[in-house]
Every structure is written in C-alpha cells, then in structure tokens.
Amino acid sequence: MTGVISGSGQWAFVAAAYGLTAVLTGAVLWASWRAMKKAEKRSDALRKDRK
C-alpha cells in the first residue's frame, strides 16, 4: 500500500511522536515556570512599594 507506514517504520514514527510530545510539553512547562517566577518577582516588588 502506498502512503501507509508499515513494519518497523511505524514504531519509529510512534517513538518520534512521543519524543516530540515530551520535548514540547517540557518546553511549555519551562516557559510557564519562567513566566510564574517573573510574575512573582513583580508581585513582591509591588508589595515592598506599599510598605
């Protein structure tokens, strides 16, 4: 069949898809963590200004 992944090629595709998903999930988590740290720093700075 043309256009169908078969044999060991399908498992390479599945492994690549899972790998890409893991890498991109890690990137999103890292970016979210950095944004949270930046927001906490701004919040702390605003609290210090009120005192």
Protein backbone atom coordinates (compact mmCIF):
# COMPACT_ATOMS: atom_id res chain seq x y z
CA MET A 1 0.00 0.00 0.00
CA THR A 2 1.30 3.39 -0.88
CA GLY A 3 1.36 6.05 1.85
CA VAL A 4 0.98 3.61 4.73
CA ILE A 5 3.68 3.32 7.38
CA SER A 6 4.38 -0.36 7.94
CA GLY A 7 6.90 -2.61 9.61
CA SER A 8 9.50 -1.07 11.89
CA GLY A 9 8.84 2.33 10.30
CA GLN A 10 5.59 2.67 12.20
CA TRP A 11 7.34 2.17 15.53
CA ALA A 12 9.96 4.76 14.62
CA PHE A 13 7.12 7.15 13.85
CA VAL A 14 5.38 6.38 17.15
CA ALA A 15 8.64 6.84 19.09
CA ALA A 16 9.32 10.13 17.31
CA ALA A 17 5.79 11.35 18.02
CA TYR A 18 6.09 10.51 21.73
CA GLY A 19 9.55 12.09 21.86
CA LEU A 20 8.34 15.28 20.21
CA THR A 21 5.36 15.41 22.57
CA ALA A 22 7.64 15.03 25.60
CA VAL A 23 10.03 17.74 24.39
CA LEU A 24 7.25 20.20 23.59
CA THR A 25 5.50 19.50 26.90
CA GLY A 26 8.77 20.21 28.69
CA ALA A 27 9.16 23.46 26.76
CA VAL A 28 5.66 24.60 27.71
CA LEU A 29 6.25 23.72 31.37
CA TRP A 30 9.58 25.57 31.39
CA ALA A 31 8.07 28.68 29.75
CA SER A 32 5.16 28.64 32.21
CA TRP A 33 7.52 28.29 35.17
CA ARG A 34 9.64 31.22 33.94
CA ALA A 35 6.51 33.37 33.49
CA MET A 36 5.33 32.45 37.00
CA LYS A 37 8.70 33.38 38.53
CA LYS A 38 8.66 36.72 36.70
CA ALA A 39 5.11 37.46 37.90
CA GLU A 40 6.05 36.56 41.50
CA LYS A 41 9.02 38.91 41.32
CA ARG A 42 6.80 41.76 40.10
CA SER A 43 4.25 40.99 42.82
CA ASP A 44 6.93 41.03 45.52
CA ALA A 45 8.24 44.35 44.20
CA LEU A 46 4.75 45.87 44.37
CA ARG A 47 4.29 44.66 47.96
CA LYS A 48 7.59 46.21 49.00
CA ASP A 49 6.49 49.53 47.49
CA ARG A 50 3.33 49.58 49.66
CA LYS A 51 5.20 49.31 52.95
